[in-house]
Protein backbone atom coordinates (compact mmCIF):
# COMPACT_ATOMS: atom_id res chain seq x y z
CA MET A 1 -26.96 -22.35 29.88
CA SER A 2 -23.16 -22.31 29.56
CA ALA A 3 -21.44 -20.59 26.67
CA ALA A 4 -20.26 -24.00 25.44
CA ASN A 5 -23.90 -25.00 24.77
CA ILE A 6 -24.88 -21.80 22.95
CA ASN A 7 -25.10 -21.86 19.17
CA TRP A 8 -22.91 -18.98 17.97
CA ASN A 9 -23.85 -19.32 14.28
CA HIS A 10 -25.73 -16.01 14.46
CA LEU A 11 -22.34 -14.29 14.53
CA PRO A 12 -20.59 -13.34 11.28
CA GLY A 13 -18.89 -16.37 9.77
CA GLU A 14 -17.70 -18.10 6.64
CA ASP A 15 -21.25 -18.66 5.38
CA ASN A 16 -22.18 -14.96 5.36
CA ILE A 17 -18.85 -13.18 4.92
CA PHE A 18 -17.94 -13.25 1.25
CA ARG A 19 -14.40 -12.76 -0.05
CA THR A 20 -12.93 -12.24 -3.49
CA VAL A 21 -9.62 -11.08 -4.95
CA LEU A 22 -9.70 -8.69 -7.89
CA PRO A 23 -7.25 -9.18 -10.79
CA ASN A 24 -5.08 -6.27 -9.60
CA GLY A 25 -4.65 -7.82 -6.14
CA ILE A 26 -7.31 -6.00 -4.09
CA ILE A 27 -8.98 -8.28 -1.53
CA VAL A 28 -12.67 -7.45 -1.03
CA LEU A 29 -14.81 -8.82 1.80
CA CYS A 30 -18.50 -8.17 2.28
CA LYS A 31 -21.04 -8.89 5.02
CA SER A 32 -24.64 -7.95 4.17
CA ASP A 33 -26.91 -6.38 6.77
CA PHE A 34 -30.23 -5.01 5.55
CA ASN A 35 -31.44 -3.97 9.00
CA SER A 36 -29.87 -0.56 8.41
CA PRO A 37 -29.83 1.63 5.28
CA SER A 38 -26.18 2.51 5.87
CA ILE A 39 -22.90 0.99 4.81
CA VAL A 40 -19.45 0.98 6.40
CA ILE A 41 -16.20 0.73 4.48
CA SER A 42 -12.94 -0.15 6.15
CA GLY A 43 -9.56 -1.43 5.03
CA TYR A 44 -5.87 -0.91 4.58
CA LEU A 45 -3.00 -0.79 2.10
CA GLN A 46 0.38 -2.50 2.55
CA SER A 47 2.21 0.72 3.38
CA GLY A 48 3.35 2.00 6.75
CA SER A 49 5.95 3.65 8.94
CA ILE A 50 8.33 0.72 8.50
CA GLN A 51 9.14 2.39 5.18
CA ASP A 52 9.96 5.77 6.72
CA PRO A 53 13.54 6.97 6.11
CA LYS A 54 15.37 7.33 9.44
CA ASP A 55 15.77 11.08 8.99
CA LYS A 56 12.09 11.54 8.06
CA LEU A 57 10.23 9.47 10.64
CA GLY A 58 6.53 10.25 10.54
CA LEU A 59 6.42 10.31 6.73
CA ALA A 60 3.90 7.48 6.30
CA LEU A 61 1.44 9.05 8.75
CA PHE A 62 2.01 12.52 7.27
CA THR A 63 1.27 11.15 3.80
CA SER A 64 -1.91 9.40 4.93
CA TYR A 65 -3.24 12.60 6.53
CA ALA A 66 -2.41 14.59 3.38
CA LEU A 67 -4.30 12.32 0.95
CA MET A 68 -7.57 14.19 1.42
CA ARG A 69 -6.02 17.66 1.20
CA GLY A 70 -6.53 17.75 -2.55
CA THR A 71 -6.39 15.46 -5.59
CA ALA A 72 -6.06 15.88 -9.35
CA ASN A 73 -9.87 15.85 -9.57
CA ARG A 74 -11.05 17.67 -6.45
CA ARG A 75 -9.74 20.31 -4.11
CA PHE A 76 -9.68 20.02 -0.34
CA LYS A 77 -12.93 21.93 0.21
CA ARG A 78 -14.75 19.98 -2.52
CA ILE A 79 -13.79 16.61 -1.02
CA TYR A 80 -15.21 17.51 2.38
CA HIS A 81 -18.20 19.35 0.95
CA ASP A 82 -19.23 16.25 -1.03
CA LEU A 83 -18.95 14.05 2.07
CA GLU A 84 -20.73 16.44 4.43
CA SER A 85 -23.55 17.09 1.96
CA ALA A 86 -24.32 13.36 1.98
CA GLY A 87 -23.91 13.01 5.75
CA ALA A 88 -20.95 10.73 5.06
CA SER A 89 -17.51 10.46 6.63
CA PHE A 90 -14.13 9.21 5.48
CA GLY A 91 -10.54 9.32 6.68
CA PHE A 92 -7.04 7.83 6.56
CA GLY A 93 -4.33 6.91 9.06
CA ALA A 94 -1.15 4.85 9.22
CA SER A 95 0.60 2.39 11.51
CA VAL A 96 3.79 0.35 11.31
CA GLN A 97 2.80 -1.88 8.39
CA THR A 98 -0.42 -0.45 7.00
CA THR A 99 -2.16 2.69 5.85
CA SER A 100 -5.76 2.38 6.99
CA PHE A 101 -8.97 4.01 5.80
CA GLY A 102 -12.58 3.98 6.82
CA GLY A 103 -15.89 5.71 6.38
CA ARG A 104 -19.65 5.39 6.45
CA ALA A 105 -22.64 6.61 4.43
CA LEU A 106 -26.11 5.65 3.30
CA VAL A 107 -25.85 2.72 0.94
CA GLU A 108 -26.88 4.85 -2.06
CA ASP A 109 -23.78 6.96 -1.39
CA LEU A 110 -21.36 4.02 -1.55
CA PRO A 111 -20.05 5.31 -4.93
CA LEU A 112 -19.11 8.56 -3.16
CA LEU A 113 -17.05 6.65 -0.56
CA LEU A 114 -15.37 4.45 -3.18
CA ASN A 115 -14.64 7.40 -5.47
CA THR A 116 -13.17 9.32 -2.54
CA LEU A 117 -10.96 6.33 -1.70
CA ALA A 118 -9.90 5.86 -5.33
CA ASP A 119 -9.29 9.56 -5.88
CA CYS A 120 -7.15 9.94 -2.77
CA VAL A 121 -4.99 6.83 -3.11
CA GLN A 122 -4.37 7.22 -6.84
CA TRP A 123 -4.19 10.94 -7.57
CA PRO A 124 -3.29 13.02 -4.50
CA VAL A 125 -1.43 16.21 -5.38
CA PHE A 126 -0.40 17.39 -1.90
CA PRO A 127 -1.06 21.11 -2.54
CA PRO A 128 1.85 23.20 -1.15
CA ARG A 129 -0.41 25.40 0.95
CA GLN A 130 -2.22 22.42 2.48
CA PHE A 131 1.11 20.65 3.02
CA SER A 132 2.42 23.59 5.05
CA ARG A 133 -0.73 23.80 7.14
CA LEU A 134 -0.71 20.09 7.89
CA GLN A 135 2.98 20.09 8.78
CA ALA A 136 2.39 22.96 11.22
CA GLN A 137 -0.49 21.04 12.83
CA LEU A 138 1.65 17.92 13.17
CA MET A 139 4.48 19.90 14.74
CA ILE A 140 2.09 21.41 17.30
CA GLY A 141 0.86 17.93 18.16
CA LEU A 142 4.43 16.71 18.68
CA GLN A 143 5.25 19.70 20.87
CA LEU A 144 2.18 19.00 23.01
CA ARG A 145 3.25 15.36 23.25
CA GLU A 146 6.55 16.46 24.80
CA GLN A 147 4.61 18.03 27.69
CA ASP A 148 2.35 15.03 28.29
CA THR A 149 3.76 12.76 30.99
CA GLY A 150 1.73 9.74 29.88
CA ASP A 151 2.68 10.08 26.22
CA MET A 152 6.37 10.59 26.98
CA ALA A 153 6.54 7.63 29.37
CA SER A 154 4.89 5.38 26.76
CA LEU A 155 7.14 6.71 24.01
CA LYS A 156 10.32 6.05 26.00
CA PHE A 157 9.02 2.64 27.09
CA ASP A 158 8.52 1.54 23.47
CA GLU A 159 11.92 2.89 22.43
CA THR A 160 13.59 0.99 25.28
CA LEU A 161 11.69 -2.28 24.94
CA PHE A 162 12.11 -2.38 21.14
CA PRO A 163 15.46 -0.72 20.43
CA ASN A 164 16.20 -0.17 16.73
CA HIS A 165 12.96 -1.94 15.85
CA PRO A 166 9.87 -0.62 14.02
CA TYR A 167 7.72 -1.29 17.10
CA GLY A 168 9.89 1.11 19.09
CA ILE A 169 9.56 4.02 16.67
CA PRO A 170 6.53 6.34 16.94
CA GLU A 171 4.41 6.44 13.79
CA ASP A 172 4.11 10.22 14.13
CA GLY A 173 7.89 10.66 14.29
CA TYR A 174 9.75 13.37 16.20
CA PRO A 175 9.78 17.17 15.81
CA GLU A 176 13.26 17.08 14.26
CA THR A 177 12.22 14.49 11.66
CA VAL A 178 8.80 15.85 10.73
CA GLN A 179 10.15 19.37 10.22
CA HIS A 180 12.57 17.99 7.62
CA ILE A 181 9.84 16.37 5.55
CA HIS A 182 9.20 18.16 2.26
CA ARG A 183 6.31 17.94 -0.15
CA ARG A 184 8.48 15.98 -2.60
CA ASP A 185 8.95 13.33 0.12
CA LEU A 186 5.20 12.76 0.24
CA VAL A 187 5.07 12.49 -3.55
CA LYS A 188 7.91 9.96 -3.59
CA PHE A 189 6.48 7.94 -0.70
CA HIS A 190 3.07 7.78 -2.37
CA ASN A 191 4.54 6.74 -5.73
CA GLN A 192 6.59 3.93 -4.21
CA SER A 193 4.39 2.73 -1.36
CA TYR A 194 0.75 2.84 -2.49
CA SER A 195 -0.51 -0.11 -4.52
CA PRO A 196 -3.57 -2.33 -4.96
CA LYS A 197 -1.42 -5.41 -4.24
CA GLY A 198 -2.57 -6.81 -0.91
CA MET A 199 -5.00 -3.93 -0.35
CA VAL A 200 -7.99 -5.02 1.75
CA ILE A 201 -11.46 -3.47 1.49
CA VAL A 202 -14.29 -4.53 3.80
CA LEU A 203 -17.91 -3.52 3.16
CA VAL A 204 -20.64 -4.11 5.74
CA GLY A 205 -24.22 -2.95 5.31
CA ALA A 206 -27.29 -2.98 3.10
CA ILE A 207 -25.69 -4.40 -0.03
CA GLU A 208 -25.43 -7.78 -1.72
CA PRO A 209 -21.90 -9.20 -1.94
CA GLN A 210 -21.90 -9.41 -5.73
CA GLN A 211 -22.97 -5.79 -6.01
CA ALA A 212 -20.22 -4.82 -3.56
CA PHE A 213 -17.56 -6.68 -5.55
CA GLU A 214 -18.74 -5.13 -8.82
CA SER A 215 -18.78 -1.64 -7.33
CA VAL A 216 -15.21 -1.92 -6.04
CA ASN A 217 -13.99 -3.47 -9.29
CA LYS A 218 -15.63 -0.73 -11.37
CA ILE A 219 -13.93 2.07 -9.45
CA LEU A 220 -10.63 0.53 -8.30
CA GLY A 221 -10.18 -2.55 -10.48
CA GLY A 222 -8.11 -0.69 -13.06
CA TRP A 223 -5.57 0.72 -10.58
CA LYS A 224 -1.97 -0.37 -11.07
CA ASN A 225 1.34 0.93 -9.77
CA PRO A 226 4.39 -0.54 -11.53
CA GLY A 227 6.67 1.57 -9.30
CA TYR A 228 5.45 -0.04 -6.09
CA VAL A 229 8.18 -1.16 -3.68
CA LEU A 230 7.16 -4.00 -1.37
CA PRO A 231 7.62 -3.00 2.30
CA PRO A 232 10.28 -4.92 4.25
CA PRO A 233 9.16 -7.63 6.67
CA ILE A 234 9.00 -6.91 10.39
CA PRO A 235 12.27 -8.13 11.94
CA ASP A 236 12.23 -10.51 14.87
CA ILE A 237 12.11 -9.05 18.36
CA PRO A 238 15.26 -9.59 20.46
CA GLY A 239 14.81 -12.60 22.70
CA THR A 240 16.49 -11.11 25.74
CA LEU A 241 15.43 -8.19 27.90
CA ASN A 242 17.70 -6.19 30.17
CA PRO A 243 16.14 -4.50 33.22
CA VAL A 244 16.02 -0.71 32.83
CA HIS A 245 14.69 2.04 35.10
CA ILE A 246 14.40 5.48 33.50
CA HIS A 247 12.83 8.70 34.74
CA LEU A 248 12.06 11.58 32.36
CA PRO A 249 11.88 14.92 34.20
CA ILE A 250 9.25 17.24 32.75
CA GLN A 251 9.02 20.70 34.23
CA GLY A 252 5.77 22.13 35.53
CA LYS A 253 4.11 18.76 36.19
CA PHE A 254 2.60 17.49 39.43
CA GLN A 255 1.74 13.90 38.46
CA THR A 256 4.09 11.11 37.46
CA ASP A 257 2.97 8.59 34.85
CA LEU A 258 4.51 5.14 35.05
CA VAL A 259 4.87 2.44 32.40
CA MET A 260 6.55 -0.86 33.20
CA GLY A 261 6.50 -4.16 31.42
CA CYS A 262 7.99 -6.93 29.32
CA TYR A 263 7.54 -8.62 25.95
CA ALA A 264 4.27 -10.36 25.05
CA PRO A 265 3.17 -13.06 22.61
CA SER A 266 2.18 -12.14 19.06
CA ARG A 267 -1.46 -11.88 18.00
CA ILE A 268 -1.19 -15.12 16.04
CA ASP A 269 0.55 -17.07 18.82
CA VAL A 270 -1.41 -19.80 20.65
CA GLU A 271 -0.31 -18.08 23.86
CA TYR A 272 -2.24 -14.91 22.99
CA LEU A 273 -5.66 -15.87 24.39
CA PRO A 274 -4.34 -17.31 27.70
CA ALA A 275 -2.23 -14.14 28.06
CA SER A 276 -5.33 -12.02 27.35
CA ILE A 277 -7.34 -13.74 30.08
CA GLY A 278 -4.38 -13.42 32.44
CA ASN A 279 -4.03 -9.74 31.63
CA ASN A 280 -7.71 -9.21 32.34
CA ILE A 281 -7.36 -10.77 35.78
CA LEU A 282 -4.10 -9.01 36.55
CA GLY A 283 -5.11 -5.48 35.69
CA GLN A 284 -8.45 -4.92 33.97
CA PHE A 285 -11.46 -6.80 35.29
CA GLY A 286 -13.63 -4.99 37.82
CA MET A 287 -11.67 -2.15 39.43
CA MET A 288 -8.60 -2.71 37.21
CA GLY A 289 -7.90 -6.25 38.44
CA ARG A 290 -5.36 -7.25 41.03
CA ILE A 291 -3.00 -4.38 40.20
CA GLY A 292 -5.74 -1.79 40.57
CA ALA A 293 -6.94 -3.34 43.81
CA ALA A 294 -3.44 -3.40 45.33
CA VAL A 295 -2.06 -0.05 44.19
CA ARG A 296 -5.17 2.09 43.99
CA GLU A 297 -7.87 0.64 46.24
CA LYS A 298 -5.88 -0.88 49.13
CA SER A 299 -2.78 1.35 49.22
CA GLY A 300 -4.26 4.56 47.81
CA LEU A 301 -0.99 5.28 46.00
CA ALA A 302 -2.25 5.77 42.44
CA TYR A 303 -4.83 7.83 40.60
CA TYR A 304 -5.17 4.90 38.19
CA ALA A 305 -3.40 1.57 37.72
CA SER A 306 -4.10 -1.07 35.09
CA THR A 307 -2.47 -3.45 32.62
CA SER A 308 -2.61 -3.87 28.86
CA LEU A 309 -1.61 -6.55 26.37
CA ASN A 310 -0.47 -5.15 23.02
CA SER A 311 0.09 -7.88 20.44
CA TRP A 312 1.08 -7.58 16.79
CA LEU A 313 2.39 -9.90 14.09
CA LYS A 314 5.84 -10.23 15.67
CA GLY A 315 5.26 -10.22 19.41
CA GLY A 316 4.18 -7.30 21.53
CA SER A 317 4.30 -5.75 24.99
CA TRP A 318 2.68 -6.61 28.32
CA GLU A 319 2.42 -3.31 30.19
CA ILE A 320 1.42 -1.93 33.56
CA ASN A 321 0.37 1.73 33.57
CA ALA A 322 -0.18 3.96 36.58
CA GLY A 323 -0.55 7.63 37.44
CA VAL A 324 0.87 8.51 40.86
CA ASN A 325 1.92 11.30 43.14
CA PRO A 326 5.71 11.59 42.60
CA ILE A 327 6.43 10.80 46.24
CA ASN A 328 4.59 7.47 45.81
CA LEU A 329 6.47 6.34 42.70
CA GLU A 330 8.91 3.89 44.27
CA ALA A 331 6.28 2.46 46.61
CA SER A 332 3.94 1.92 43.66
CA ILE A 333 6.64 0.13 41.68
CA ARG A 334 7.38 -2.09 44.67
CA ILE A 335 3.73 -3.08 45.17
CA ILE A 336 3.25 -3.75 41.45
CA LYS A 337 6.28 -6.06 41.47
CA GLU A 338 4.92 -7.86 44.53
CA GLU A 339 1.59 -8.45 42.78
CA ILE A 340 3.35 -9.81 39.68
CA LYS A 341 5.39 -12.17 41.88
CA LYS A 342 2.16 -13.51 43.36
CA PHE A 343 0.60 -13.76 39.90
CA ILE A 344 3.38 -15.95 38.53
CA ALA A 345 3.71 -18.02 41.72
CA GLU A 346 0.38 -19.86 41.60
CA PRO A 347 -2.63 -20.31 39.30
CA VAL A 348 -5.43 -17.77 39.28
CA THR A 349 -8.50 -18.78 41.27
CA GLN A 350 -11.39 -20.58 39.61
CA GLU A 351 -13.65 -17.62 40.42
CA GLU A 352 -11.29 -15.17 38.70
CA LEU A 353 -11.02 -17.47 35.69
CA ASN A 354 -14.78 -17.96 35.38
CA ASP A 355 -15.48 -14.23 35.76
CA SER A 356 -12.96 -13.28 33.08
CA LYS A 357 -14.18 -15.95 30.68
CA SER A 358 -17.76 -14.73 31.10
CA ASN A 359 -16.58 -11.17 30.54
CA PHE A 360 -14.76 -12.03 27.31
CA ILE A 361 -17.60 -14.14 25.92
CA GLY A 362 -20.28 -11.69 27.01
CA LEU A 363 -18.57 -8.81 25.22
CA LEU A 364 -18.35 -10.73 21.94
CA PRO A 365 -21.95 -10.15 20.72
CA LEU A 366 -21.72 -6.50 21.76
CA SER A 367 -18.58 -6.05 19.64
CA VAL A 368 -20.48 -6.91 16.46
CA GLU A 369 -23.75 -5.09 17.15
CA SER A 370 -22.86 -2.31 14.71
CA ASN A 371 -21.67 -2.43 11.11
CA SER A 372 -18.44 -0.78 12.25
CA GLY A 373 -17.88 -3.52 14.81
CA VAL A 374 -18.43 -6.23 12.21
CA ALA A 375 -16.07 -4.49 9.77
CA ASN A 376 -13.36 -4.18 12.43
CA SER A 377 -13.70 -7.88 13.27
CA ILE A 378 -13.41 -8.89 9.62
CA ILE A 379 -10.33 -6.68 9.25
CA ARG A 380 -8.67 -8.46 12.18
CA MET A 381 -9.58 -11.90 10.85
CA GLU A 382 -8.07 -11.05 7.47
CA ARG A 383 -5.04 -9.20 8.79
CA PHE A 384 -3.96 -11.94 11.19
CA GLY A 385 -5.14 -14.92 9.16
CA LEU A 386 -7.56 -16.03 11.88
CA GLY A 387 -10.13 -17.49 9.48
CA LEU A 388 -13.61 -16.18 8.73
CA ASN A 389 -15.16 -18.49 11.35
CA TYR A 390 -13.00 -17.09 14.15
CA LEU A 391 -15.84 -15.24 15.93
CA ARG A 392 -17.91 -18.42 16.14
CA GLU A 393 -14.96 -20.45 17.39
CA TYR A 394 -13.87 -17.77 19.86
CA PRO A 395 -16.20 -18.68 22.79
CA GLY A 396 -15.06 -22.31 22.62
CA LYS A 397 -11.41 -21.26 22.58
CA ILE A 398 -11.96 -19.07 25.63
CA GLN A 399 -13.80 -21.81 27.52
CA LYS A 400 -10.91 -24.24 27.02
CA ILE A 401 -8.32 -21.98 28.65
CA THR A 402 -7.12 -23.28 32.00
CA SER A 403 -5.53 -21.57 34.97
CA GLU A 404 -2.41 -23.66 34.34
CA GLU A 405 -2.09 -22.25 30.81
CA ILE A 406 -2.38 -18.72 32.16
CA LEU A 407 0.27 -19.44 34.79
CA GLN A 408 2.60 -20.93 32.19
CA VAL A 409 2.37 -18.00 29.79
CA SER A 410 2.60 -15.47 32.63
CA LYS A 411 5.78 -17.07 33.95
CA LYS A 412 7.24 -17.01 30.45
CA TYR A 413 6.68 -13.30 29.84
CA LEU A 414 6.29 -11.56 33.21
CA ASN A 415 9.44 -11.19 35.29
CA PRO A 416 9.24 -8.49 37.99
CA GLU A 417 13.02 -8.39 38.30
CA ASN A 418 13.63 -8.05 34.58
CA MET A 419 11.39 -5.25 33.34
CA VAL A 420 11.59 -1.97 31.47
CA ILE A 421 10.39 0.72 33.89
CA VAL A 422 9.85 4.27 32.65
CA SER A 423 8.33 7.18 34.51
CA ALA A 424 7.75 10.78 33.44
CA GLY A 425 6.92 13.72 35.65
CA PRO A 426 8.52 16.20 38.06
CA ASP A 427 12.23 15.89 38.71
CA LEU A 428 12.71 13.19 41.35
CA ALA A 429 15.54 15.03 43.10
CA GLU A 430 13.36 18.10 43.56
CA ASN A 431 10.62 15.89 44.93
CA ILE A 432 12.94 14.31 47.50
CA ASN A 433 14.04 17.74 48.67
CA GLU A 434 10.45 18.88 49.04
CA VAL A 435 9.59 15.80 51.12
CA SER A 436 12.69 16.25 53.29
CA VAL A 437 11.76 19.84 54.06
């Protein structure tokens, strides 16, 4: 039976995902599942690194990590003791536009999760001692990043592809910006950037929707922040791309990591799904697709080689990543470009298209087997305005994609002669000398 003839109504949809908006602006979504005694909470606030001052990049992420280091009601050790005693977990993070949170517990411990969330977002105190410890940990992480060839190549790639744009700035900042963040900066950022307006909370597990809504309203319904400053919108991505080839020498390394690519469609663009199928064929399916077969399997030039499609609200990046012996760098780049030329010259084969469609559709039920998977899917549907029936409509959307659509979108975004190419590893001049000897 083809996927087109399968009834996908068993997937989460608009008849079993319930949504309400509390008077203070919090959006609550709930999907009941009584097959497990647990519950998962996931969500985000409208606060992210786009609000970081230029001289204090990393502030939003720093603030999110510091929320659980102590509040007006509970100290650091008490917060974690309460969670661990119940076998529960909870945590925060931040990205460009949002501060995210998530956790899990037995359903009877849902009040513990909600009280932890409410306590941390409303009354964090950022204890000086904990602030210093966390800052030291963040600085160590940034110093380790500077010695990681893959991280540095990706960092420079983003900076180059998205110059002076929030997508090109690392959420964790730089050593010189994080070291200049003070405790008062966290206090100010929290006071201005944390608010119930537009906050999204998703609950999935052994609970009735009405009970879930009442529980959230009881604990967070009274939260207000009159000092909240709405984050700025994401600016448009520049329409033109200039070819760039950069190498970052990092001493003491033996492998070179390569990142090369172009712009990509946004997550809400109609081109996104055809680009996703194309990306799967180009560098993911099987042994890392065509790119993996050409660079790694046939030529033996790379330790790994694959592609990725990263799409957000305002565009994204279509990337090729590879790890190579430094002496094989230029040959690897040449073969990758040749494969992209072939990819945009003619439609993918019917076999490749059918295999990738089956792969995408087959993975769908697996992605929502757990409460966490369901919660993540609901978050995406809400965040990108996809509609609560998106999962059920997804197989049909995939089946309709044609090889011509993939070719059209690939030609639009992939240009082997107009790419950002960044590598990081041993100094290339030293490598040439070693080969010559």
